[in-house]
């Protein structure tokens, strides 16, 4: 299985991302808590330079709670950056994001004051791979305040800032990290969580790969959800179709429907709280 997904105008996308980041003091990097390794862009530093970053493990409410704690500790130790766990279904975590971002941006504001200028709010941007939840983070932050501060001097009119706190301004459009997908295992996991377009991969193959991962890591939970007897070998799409009574005319298994249901069940957390990657798997 090979996943071919190369966003159009990737150079333009990267240039846009660099321009956006250059306008800010702090970068909020959003990862998918179910695949923290695969949803992380190792080369983001070439865009951010020495700007402080706050890592946001989003969708933590559908990820394994034990793994959430392990990944938070691992990422903080490895990167030296603060990590916040967030949920797509709750806004309780927003105050923590605001507090951490204001603290990280304080050195930048101190420099402004040192030049004899009045202090201004810290400026932040939300960046991340497609569909990791950047827009939901932005929307939750904006809900704290509807006041747009407009374009800054010397900045394109399209750049809009929203004052989300007396000490924090948010760029109201997300910074999209254009994934290159050289690593096919990571690409497959990005497909599993719906982070790349369906045209780039074979849905049946991704579903089969997901079955193997779920059986390996969450065997009992997975088999219980689909009412399957835990065996020594992973079940097939046909086994799940049989259990769910997904049939076509003539009694054939409806494999396409089964694959779609399986992927949706996983993505929506219906099977259970699942993380597909372990910190122990990292070899470098």
C-alpha atoms as a PDB file:
ATOM      1  CA  UNK A   1       0.000   0.000   0.000  1.00  0.00           C
ATOM      2  CA  UNK A   2       1.352   3.383  -0.995  1.00  0.00           C
ATOM      3  CA  UNK A   3      -0.301   6.665  -0.085  1.00  0.00           C
ATOM      4  CA  UNK A   4       0.300   9.466  -2.548  1.00  0.00           C
ATOM      5  CA  UNK A   5      -0.680  12.802  -1.121  1.00  0.00           C
ATOM      6  CA  UNK A   6       1.201  15.933  -2.012  1.00  0.00           C
ATOM      7  CA  UNK A   7      -0.771  19.135  -1.467  1.00  0.00           C
ATOM      8  CA  UNK A   8      -0.917  21.390  -4.488  1.00  0.00           C
ATOM      9  CA  UNK A   9       1.386  24.406  -4.400  1.00  0.00           C
ATOM     10  CA  UNK A  10       3.274  23.067  -1.372  1.00  0.00           C
ATOM     11  CA  UNK A  11       5.953  25.744  -1.756  1.00  0.00           C
ATOM     12  CA  UNK A  12       3.241  28.399  -1.666  1.00  0.00           C
ATOM     13  CA  UNK A  13       1.686  26.784   1.423  1.00  0.00           C
ATOM     14  CA  UNK A  14       5.037  26.712   3.197  1.00  0.00           C
ATOM     15  CA  UNK A  15       5.735  30.340   2.287  1.00  0.00           C
ATOM     16  CA  UNK A  16       2.324  31.339   3.631  1.00  0.00           C
ATOM     17  CA  UNK A  17       2.983  29.440   6.862  1.00  0.00           C
ATOM     18  CA  UNK A  18       6.337  31.159   7.304  1.00  0.00           C
ATOM     19  CA  UNK A  19       4.758  34.581   6.714  1.00  0.00           C
ATOM     20  CA  UNK A  20       2.041  33.883   9.286  1.00  0.00           C
ATOM     21  CA  UNK A  21       4.493  32.659  11.919  1.00  0.00           C
ATOM     22  CA  UNK A  22       6.746  35.688  11.390  1.00  0.00           C
ATOM     23  CA  UNK A  23       3.886  37.919  12.592  1.00  0.00           C
ATOM     24  CA  UNK A  24       3.550  36.115  15.926  1.00  0.00           C
ATOM     25  CA  UNK A  25       5.282  35.741  19.286  1.00  0.00           C
ATOM     26  CA  UNK A  26       4.116  32.228  20.194  1.00  0.00           C
ATOM     27  CA  UNK A  27       3.176  29.177  18.120  1.00  0.00           C
ATOM     28  CA  UNK A  28       0.412  26.829  19.295  1.00  0.00           C
ATOM     29  CA  UNK A  29       1.232  23.494  17.640  1.00  0.00           C
ATOM     30  CA  UNK A  30      -1.767  21.131  17.556  1.00  0.00           C
ATOM     31  CA  UNK A  31      -1.231  17.366  17.459  1.00  0.00           C
ATOM     32  CA  UNK A  32      -3.764  14.536  17.334  1.00  0.00           C
ATOM     33  CA  UNK A  33      -3.483  12.754  20.694  1.00  0.00           C
ATOM     34  CA  UNK A  34      -4.265   9.416  19.010  1.00  0.00           C
ATOM     35  CA  UNK A  35      -1.163   9.677  16.795  1.00  0.00           C
ATOM     36  CA  UNK A  36       1.169  12.226  18.438  1.00  0.00           C
ATOM     37  CA  UNK A  37       4.213  11.009  16.515  1.00  0.00           C
ATOM     38  CA  UNK A  38       2.616  10.873  13.069  1.00  0.00           C
ATOM     39  CA  UNK A  39       0.778  14.204  13.423  1.00  0.00           C
ATOM     40  CA  UNK A  40       3.935  16.037  14.485  1.00  0.00           C
ATOM     41  CA  UNK A  41       5.956  17.953  11.902  1.00  0.00           C
ATOM     42  CA  UNK A  42       9.604  17.418  12.808  1.00  0.00           C
ATOM     43  CA  UNK A  43      10.763  20.286  10.570  1.00  0.00           C
ATOM     44  CA  UNK A  44       8.448  22.919  12.035  1.00  0.00           C
ATOM     45  CA  UNK A  45      11.511  24.520  13.628  1.00  0.00           C
ATOM     46  CA  UNK A  46      12.622  25.782  10.220  1.00  0.00           C
ATOM     47  CA  UNK A  47       9.475  27.949  10.178  1.00  0.00           C
ATOM     48  CA  UNK A  48       9.346  28.934  13.851  1.00  0.00           C
ATOM     49  CA  UNK A  49      13.023  29.617  14.509  1.00  0.00           C
ATOM     50  CA  UNK A  50      13.476  30.350  18.200  1.00  0.00           C
ATOM     51  CA  UNK A  51       9.846  31.356  18.802  1.00  0.00           C
ATOM     52  CA  UNK A  52       8.382  29.537  21.821  1.00  0.00           C
ATOM     53  CA  UNK A  53       5.897  26.776  21.083  1.00  0.00           C
ATOM     54  CA  UNK A  54       3.049  25.336  23.127  1.00  0.00           C
ATOM     55  CA  UNK A  55       2.168  21.762  22.149  1.00  0.00           C
ATOM     56  CA  UNK A  56      -1.547  20.942  22.216  1.00  0.00           C
ATOM     57  CA  UNK A  57      -2.526  17.267  22.308  1.00  0.00           C
ATOM     58  CA  UNK A  58      -6.022  17.633  20.895  1.00  0.00           C
ATOM     59  CA  UNK A  59      -8.830  15.048  20.781  1.00  0.00           C
ATOM     60  CA  UNK A  60      -7.523  13.697  24.077  1.00  0.00           C
ATOM     61  CA  UNK A  61     -11.106  12.775  24.973  1.00  0.00           C
ATOM     62  CA  UNK A  62     -11.094   9.994  22.360  1.00  0.00           C
ATOM     63  CA  UNK A  63      -7.481   8.948  23.036  1.00  0.00           C
ATOM     64  CA  UNK A  64      -6.307   6.471  25.680  1.00  0.00           C
ATOM     65  CA  UNK A  65      -6.106   8.391  29.007  1.00  0.00           C
ATOM     66  CA  UNK A  66      -3.043   6.418  30.166  1.00  0.00           C
ATOM     67  CA  UNK A  67      -1.264   7.082  26.859  1.00  0.00           C
ATOM     68  CA  UNK A  68      -2.239  10.777  27.071  1.00  0.00           C
ATOM     69  CA  UNK A  69      -0.257  11.073  30.308  1.00  0.00           C
ATOM     70  CA  UNK A  70       2.694   9.153  28.860  1.00  0.00           C
ATOM     71  CA  UNK A  71       2.815  11.287  25.709  1.00  0.00           C
ATOM     72  CA  UNK A  72       2.508  14.527  27.649  1.00  0.00           C
ATOM     73  CA  UNK A  73       5.502  13.600  29.814  1.00  0.00           C
ATOM     74  CA  UNK A  74       7.509  12.306  26.859  1.00  0.00           C
ATOM     75  CA  UNK A  75       6.960  15.380  24.679  1.00  0.00           C
ATOM     76  CA  UNK A  76       7.717  17.796  27.501  1.00  0.00           C
ATOM     77  CA  UNK A  77      10.962  15.973  28.267  1.00  0.00           C
ATOM     78  CA  UNK A  78      12.003  15.580  24.623  1.00  0.00           C
ATOM     79  CA  UNK A  79      11.152  19.075  23.385  1.00  0.00           C
ATOM     80  CA  UNK A  80      11.451  21.170  26.531  1.00  0.00           C
ATOM     81  CA  UNK A  81       8.074  22.651  25.577  1.00  0.00           C
ATOM     82  CA  UNK A  82       4.882  22.807  27.599  1.00  0.00           C
ATOM     83  CA  UNK A  83       2.131  20.365  26.595  1.00  0.00           C
ATOM     84  CA  UNK A  84      -1.612  20.880  27.130  1.00  0.00           C
ATOM     85  CA  UNK A  85      -4.229  18.149  26.705  1.00  0.00           C
ATOM     86  CA  UNK A  86      -7.398  19.388  25.001  1.00  0.00           C
ATOM     87  CA  UNK A  87     -10.723  17.954  23.973  1.00  0.00           C
ATOM     88  CA  UNK A  88     -12.731  18.675  20.859  1.00  0.00           C
ATOM     89  CA  UNK A  89     -15.924  18.420  22.904  1.00  0.00           C
ATOM     90  CA  UNK A  90     -15.066  20.748  25.794  1.00  0.00           C
ATOM     91  CA  UNK A  91     -13.861  24.307  26.322  1.00  0.00           C
ATOM     92  CA  UNK A  92     -12.562  23.776  29.856  1.00  0.00           C
ATOM     93  CA  UNK A  93      -8.979  23.570  28.591  1.00  0.00           C
ATOM     94  CA  UNK A  94      -8.979  27.011  26.938  1.00  0.00           C
ATOM     95  CA  UNK A  95      -7.994  28.918  30.094  1.00  0.00           C
ATOM     96  CA  UNK A  96      -4.889  26.727  30.377  1.00  0.00           C
ATOM     97  CA  UNK A  97      -3.917  27.454  26.753  1.00  0.00           C
ATOM     98  CA  UNK A  98      -4.354  31.204  27.288  1.00  0.00           C
ATOM     99  CA  UNK A  99      -2.350  31.177  30.537  1.00  0.00           C
ATOM    100  CA  UNK A 100       0.538  29.194  29.037  1.00  0.00           C
ATOM    101  CA  UNK A 101       0.612  31.293  25.847  1.00  0.00           C
ATOM    102  CA  UNK A 102       0.741  34.572  27.790  1.00  0.00           C
ATOM    103  CA  UNK A 103       3.624  33.245  29.885  1.00  0.00           C
ATOM    104  CA  UNK A 104       5.542  32.034  26.813  1.00  0.00           C
ATOM    105  CA  UNK A 105       5.055  35.403  25.091  1.00  0.00           C
ATOM    106  CA  UNK A 106       6.218  37.500  28.044  1.00  0.00           C
ATOM    107  CA  UNK A 107       9.881  37.753  26.856  1.00  0.00           C
ATOM    108  CA  UNK A 108       8.704  39.159  23.501  1.00  0.00           C
ATOM    109  CA  UNK A 109       6.578  41.788  25.242  1.00  0.00           C
ATOM    110  CA  UNK A 110       9.447  42.630  27.612  1.00  0.00           C
ATOM    111  CA  UNK A 111      11.569  43.419  24.533  1.00  0.00           C
ATOM    112  CA  UNK A 112       8.851  45.752  23.229  1.00  0.00           C
ATOM    113  CA  UNK A 113       8.757  47.596  26.559  1.00  0.00           C
ATOM    114  CA  UNK A 114      12.558  47.739  26.699  1.00  0.00           C
ATOM    115  CA  UNK A 115      12.463  49.748  23.457  1.00  0.00           C
ATOM    116  CA  UNK A 116      10.315  52.342  25.186  1.00  0.00           C
ATOM    117  CA  UNK A 117       7.073  51.201  23.584  1.00  0.00           C
ATOM    118  CA  UNK A 118       3.806  50.440  25.323  1.00  0.00           C
ATOM    119  CA  UNK A 119       3.184  46.760  26.099  1.00  0.00           C
ATOM    120  CA  UNK A 120       0.882  44.978  23.651  1.00  0.00           C
ATOM    121  CA  UNK A 121      -0.927  41.636  23.775  1.00  0.00           C
ATOM    122  CA  UNK A 122       1.026  38.490  22.951  1.00  0.00           C
ATOM    123  CA  UNK A 123       0.300  37.382  19.372  1.00  0.00           C
ATOM    124  CA  UNK A 124      -0.250  33.685  18.719  1.00  0.00           C
ATOM    125  CA  UNK A 125      -0.992  31.390  15.785  1.00  0.00           C
ATOM    126  CA  UNK A 126      -2.477  27.883  15.765  1.00  0.00           C
ATOM    127  CA  UNK A 127      -0.612  25.506  13.424  1.00  0.00           C
ATOM    128  CA  UNK A 128      -0.787  21.809  12.625  1.00  0.00           C
ATOM    129  CA  UNK A 129      -1.463  19.072  10.108  1.00  0.00           C
ATOM    130  CA  UNK A 130      -4.865  19.003   8.371  1.00  0.00           C
ATOM    131  CA  UNK A 131      -7.807  17.901  10.525  1.00  0.00           C
ATOM    132  CA  UNK A 132      -5.993  17.715  13.874  1.00  0.00           C
ATOM    133  CA  UNK A 133      -8.518  20.196  15.272  1.00  0.00           C
ATOM    134  CA  UNK A 134      -6.895  23.587  14.631  1.00  0.00           C
ATOM    135  CA  UNK A 135     -10.195  25.235  13.731  1.00  0.00           C
ATOM    136  CA  UNK A 136     -11.929  23.911  16.845  1.00  0.00           C
ATOM    137  CA  UNK A 137      -9.128  25.345  19.016  1.00  0.00           C
ATOM    138  CA  UNK A 138      -9.395  28.687  17.211  1.00  0.00           C
ATOM    139  CA  UNK A 139     -13.193  28.731  17.520  1.00  0.00           C
ATOM    140  CA  UNK A 140     -13.074  27.957  21.234  1.00  0.00           C
ATOM    141  CA  UNK A 141     -10.526  30.721  21.796  1.00  0.00           C
ATOM    142  CA  UNK A 142     -12.540  33.211  19.752  1.00  0.00           C
ATOM    143  CA  UNK A 143     -15.709  32.399  21.706  1.00  0.00           C
ATOM    144  CA  UNK A 144     -14.051  34.002  24.723  1.00  0.00           C
ATOM    145  CA  UNK A 145     -14.178  37.302  22.826  1.00  0.00           C
ATOM    146  CA  UNK A 146     -15.786  38.343  19.543  1.00  0.00           C
ATOM    147  CA  UNK A 147     -13.661  41.465  19.126  1.00  0.00           C
ATOM    148  CA  UNK A 148     -11.536  41.537  15.993  1.00  0.00           C
ATOM    149  CA  UNK A 149      -8.648  43.977  16.210  1.00  0.00           C
ATOM    150  CA  UNK A 150      -8.238  44.273  12.450  1.00  0.00           C
ATOM    151  CA  UNK A 151      -5.142  44.449  10.302  1.00  0.00           C
ATOM    152  CA  UNK A 152      -1.829  45.525  11.810  1.00  0.00           C
ATOM    153  CA  UNK A 153       0.275  48.269  10.266  1.00  0.00           C
ATOM    154  CA  UNK A 154       2.457  46.876   7.518  1.00  0.00           C
ATOM    155  CA  UNK A 155       0.468  43.651   7.394  1.00  0.00           C
ATOM    156  CA  UNK A 156      -1.815  42.507   4.605  1.00  0.00           C
ATOM    157  CA  UNK A 157      -5.463  43.418   5.106  1.00  0.00           C
ATOM    158  CA  UNK A 158      -6.328  39.710   5.100  1.00  0.00           C
ATOM    159  CA  UNK A 159      -4.473  39.230   8.377  1.00  0.00           C
ATOM    160  CA  UNK A 160      -7.104  39.538  11.090  1.00  0.00           C
ATOM    161  CA  UNK A 161      -6.424  39.370  14.797  1.00  0.00           C
ATOM    162  CA  UNK A 162      -8.892  38.570  17.535  1.00  0.00           C
ATOM    163  CA  UNK A 163      -8.373  39.764  21.105  1.00  0.00           C
ATOM    164  CA  UNK A 164      -9.171  36.616  23.081  1.00  0.00           C
ATOM    165  CA  UNK A 165      -7.786  37.929  26.379  1.00  0.00           C
ATOM    166  CA  UNK A 166      -6.508  41.348  27.534  1.00  0.00           C
ATOM    167  CA  UNK A 167      -2.984  39.973  27.072  1.00  0.00           C
ATOM    168  CA  UNK A 168      -3.505  37.701  24.049  1.00  0.00           C
ATOM    169  CA  UNK A 169      -4.327  38.173  20.366  1.00  0.00           C
ATOM    170  CA  UNK A 170      -4.997  35.287  17.982  1.00  0.00           C
ATOM    171  CA  UNK A 171      -4.445  35.134  14.240  1.00  0.00           C
ATOM    172  CA  UNK A 172      -7.907  34.027  13.147  1.00  0.00           C
ATOM    173  CA  UNK A 173      -6.781  31.642  10.391  1.00  0.00           C
ATOM    174  CA  UNK A 174      -4.930  28.388  11.033  1.00  0.00           C
ATOM    175  CA  UNK A 175      -1.419  27.712   9.816  1.00  0.00           C
ATOM    176  CA  UNK A 176      -1.614  24.579   7.694  1.00  0.00           C
ATOM    177  CA  UNK A 177       1.444  22.330   7.794  1.00  0.00           C
ATOM    178  CA  UNK A 178       1.677  20.661   4.366  1.00  0.00           C
ATOM    179  CA  UNK A 179       2.604  17.023   5.059  1.00  0.00           C
ATOM    180  CA  UNK A 180       5.011  15.328   2.649  1.00  0.00           C
ATOM    181  CA  UNK A 181       4.281  11.753   3.784  1.00  0.00           C
ATOM    182  CA  UNK A 182       7.624  10.094   3.051  1.00  0.00           C
ATOM    183  CA  UNK A 183       6.968   7.632   5.895  1.00  0.00           C
ATOM    184  CA  UNK A 184       4.159   5.320   4.766  1.00  0.00           C
ATOM    185  CA  UNK A 185       3.386   3.980   8.259  1.00  0.00           C
ATOM    186  CA  UNK A 186       2.801   7.528   9.459  1.00  0.00           C
ATOM    187  CA  UNK A 187       0.838   8.313   6.302  1.00  0.00           C
ATOM    188  CA  UNK A 188      -1.451   5.346   6.978  1.00  0.00           C
ATOM    189  CA  UNK A 189      -2.144   6.561  10.520  1.00  0.00           C
ATOM    190  CA  UNK A 190      -2.898  10.062   9.239  1.00  0.00           C
ATOM    191  CA  UNK A 191      -5.403   8.446   6.872  1.00  0.00           C
ATOM    192  CA  UNK A 192      -6.918   6.450   9.746  1.00  0.00           C
ATOM    193  CA  UNK A 193      -7.695   9.632  11.697  1.00  0.00           C
ATOM    194  CA  UNK A 194      -8.962  11.351   8.526  1.00  0.00           C
ATOM    195  CA  UNK A 195      -6.089  13.817   8.298  1.00  0.00           C
ATOM    196  CA  UNK A 196      -5.561  13.361   4.553  1.00  0.00           C
ATOM    197  CA  UNK A 197      -8.029  13.313   1.692  1.00  0.00           C
ATOM    198  CA  UNK A 198      -9.710  10.022   0.767  1.00  0.00           C
ATOM    199  CA  UNK A 199      -8.571  10.357  -2.843  1.00  0.00           C
ATOM    200  CA  UNK A 200      -5.007   9.727  -1.662  1.00  0.00           C
ATOM    201  CA  UNK A 201      -5.538   6.223  -0.289  1.00  0.00           C
ATOM    202  CA  UNK A 202      -7.424   2.954  -0.641  1.00  0.00           C
ATOM    203  CA  UNK A 203     -10.083   2.947   2.092  1.00  0.00           C
ATOM    204  CA  UNK A 204     -10.206  -0.863   2.259  1.00  0.00           C
ATOM    205  CA  UNK A 205      -6.443  -1.126   2.750  1.00  0.00           C
ATOM    206  CA  UNK A 206      -6.469   1.534   5.465  1.00  0.00           C
ATOM    207  CA  UNK A 207      -9.349  -0.261   7.216  1.00  0.00           C
ATOM    208  CA  UNK A 208      -7.428  -3.560   7.086  1.00  0.00           C
ATOM    209  CA  UNK A 209      -4.357  -1.888   8.560  1.00  0.00           C
ATOM    210  CA  UNK A 210      -6.480  -0.293  11.272  1.00  0.00           C
ATOM    211  CA  UNK A 211      -7.898  -3.708  12.205  1.00  0.00           C
ATOM    212  CA  UNK A 212      -4.369  -5.047  12.725  1.00  0.00           C
ATOM    213  CA  UNK A 213      -3.415  -2.098  14.928  1.00  0.00           C
ATOM    214  CA  UNK A 214      -6.595  -2.238  16.991  1.00  0.00           C
ATOM    215  CA  UNK A 215      -6.265  -6.000  17.433  1.00  0.00           C
ATOM    216  CA  UNK A 216      -2.640  -5.618  18.488  1.00  0.00           C
ATOM    217  CA  UNK A 217      -3.200  -2.780  20.966  1.00  0.00           C
ATOM    218  CA  UNK A 218      -6.844  -3.044  22.106  1.00  0.00           C
ATOM    219  CA  UNK A 219      -7.829  -6.632  21.299  1.00  0.00           C
ATOM    220  CA  UNK A 220     -10.556  -7.115  23.907  1.00  0.00           C
ATOM    221  CA  UNK A 221     -12.112  -3.672  23.457  1.00  0.00           C
ATOM    222  CA  UNK A 222     -12.113  -4.038  19.688  1.00  0.00           C
ATOM    223  CA  UNK A 223     -13.585  -7.562  19.645  1.00  0.00           C
ATOM    224  CA  UNK A 224     -16.233  -6.640  22.225  1.00  0.00           C
ATOM    225  CA  UNK A 225     -17.398  -3.653  20.163  1.00  0.00           C
ATOM    226  CA  UNK A 226     -17.949  -5.796  17.059  1.00  0.00           C
ATOM    227  CA  UNK A 227     -19.157  -8.836  19.025  1.00  0.00           C
ATOM    228  CA  UNK A 228     -16.288 -11.018  17.825  1.00  0.00           C
ATOM    229  CA  UNK A 229     -14.605 -13.845  19.688  1.00  0.00           C
ATOM    230  CA  UNK A 230     -10.975 -12.907  20.477  1.00  0.00           C
ATOM    231  CA  UNK A 231      -8.826 -15.246  18.387  1.00  0.00           C
ATOM    232  CA  UNK A 232      -5.091 -15.593  17.818  1.00  0.00           C
ATOM    233  CA  UNK A 233      -5.273 -13.819  14.469  1.00  0.00           C
ATOM    234  CA  UNK A 234      -6.900 -10.440  13.688  1.00  0.00           C
ATOM    235  CA  UNK A 235     -10.436 -10.622  12.285  1.00  0.00           C
ATOM    236  CA  UNK A 236     -11.129  -9.667   8.688  1.00  0.00           C
ATOM    237  CA  UNK A 237     -13.515  -7.113   7.238  1.00  0.00           C
ATOM    238  CA  UNK A 238     -15.644 -10.115   6.278  1.00  0.00           C
ATOM    239  CA  UNK A 239     -15.810 -11.209   9.923  1.00  0.00           C
ATOM    240  CA  UNK A 240     -17.008  -7.758  10.981  1.00  0.00           C
ATOM    241  CA  UNK A 241     -19.518  -7.634   8.093  1.00  0.00           C
ATOM    242  CA  UNK A 242     -20.853 -11.021   9.181  1.00  0.00           C
ATOM    243  CA  UNK A 243     -21.195  -9.904  12.792  1.00  0.00           C
ATOM    244  CA  UNK A 244     -22.931  -6.667  11.819  1.00  0.00           C
ATOM    245  CA  UNK A 245     -25.026  -8.402   9.141  1.00  0.00           C
ATOM    246  CA  UNK A 246     -23.782  -6.098   6.389  1.00  0.00           C
ATOM    247  CA  UNK A 247     -24.721  -8.024   3.253  1.00  0.00           C
ATOM    248  CA  UNK A 248     -25.247  -7.252  -0.409  1.00  0.00           C
ATOM    249  CA  UNK A 249     -27.675  -9.056  -2.695  1.00  0.00           C
ATOM    250  CA  UNK A 250     -26.808 -12.696  -3.038  1.00  0.00           C
ATOM    251  CA  UNK A 251     -25.501 -12.864   0.508  1.00  0.00           C
ATOM    252  CA  UNK A 252     -22.121 -11.287  -0.284  1.00  0.00           C
ATOM    253  CA  UNK A 253     -20.445  -9.299   2.503  1.00  0.00           C
ATOM    254  CA  UNK A 254     -20.717  -5.537   2.082  1.00  0.00           C
ATOM    255  CA  UNK A 255     -17.018  -4.893   2.557  1.00  0.00           C
ATOM    256  CA  UNK A 256     -17.092  -1.264   1.440  1.00  0.00           C
ATOM    257  CA  UNK A 257     -19.774  -0.353   3.988  1.00  0.00           C
ATOM    258  CA  UNK A 258     -17.921  -2.305   6.682  1.00  0.00           C
ATOM    259  CA  UNK A 259     -14.671  -0.432   6.039  1.00  0.00           C
ATOM    260  CA  UNK A 260     -16.488   2.905   6.170  1.00  0.00           C
ATOM    261  CA  UNK A 261     -18.260   2.027   9.430  1.00  0.00           C
ATOM    262  CA  UNK A 262     -15.024   0.773  10.998  1.00  0.00           C
ATOM    263  CA  UNK A 263     -13.125   3.973  10.166  1.00  0.00           C
ATOM    264  CA  UNK A 264     -15.991   6.172  11.362  1.00  0.00           C
ATOM    265  CA  UNK A 265     -16.370   4.174  14.585  1.00  0.00           C
ATOM    266  CA  UNK A 266     -12.686   4.661  15.340  1.00  0.00           C
ATOM    267  CA  UNK A 267     -12.610   8.338  14.378  1.00  0.00           C
ATOM    268  CA  UNK A 268     -15.648   9.134  16.525  1.00  0.00           C
ATOM    269  CA  UNK A 269     -14.404   7.204  19.551  1.00  0.00           C
ATOM    270  CA  UNK A 270     -17.236   4.674  19.392  1.00  0.00           C
ATOM    271  CA  UNK A 271     -14.935   1.662  19.807  1.00  0.00           C
ATOM    272  CA  UNK A 272     -13.371   3.244  22.893  1.00  0.00           C
ATOM    273  CA  UNK A 273     -10.569   5.615  23.847  1.00  0.00           C
ATOM    274  CA  UNK A 274      -7.690   4.539  21.624  1.00  0.00           C
ATOM    275  CA  UNK A 275      -4.138   5.730  20.918  1.00  0.00           C
ATOM    276  CA  UNK A 276      -2.377   4.093  17.990  1.00  0.00           C
ATOM    277  CA  UNK A 277       1.174   5.057  18.992  1.00  0.00           C
ATOM    278  CA  UNK A 278       3.279   4.357  22.074  1.00  0.00           C
ATOM    279  CA  UNK A 279       6.262   6.332  23.318  1.00  0.00           C
ATOM    280  CA  UNK A 280       8.159   3.029  23.532  1.00  0.00           C
ATOM    281  CA  UNK A 281       7.952   2.680  19.742  1.00  0.00           C
ATOM    282  CA  UNK A 282      10.198   5.677  19.140  1.00  0.00           C
ATOM    283  CA  UNK A 283      13.642   4.497  18.082  1.00  0.00           C
ATOM    284  CA  UNK A 284      15.455   7.814  17.713  1.00  0.00           C
END
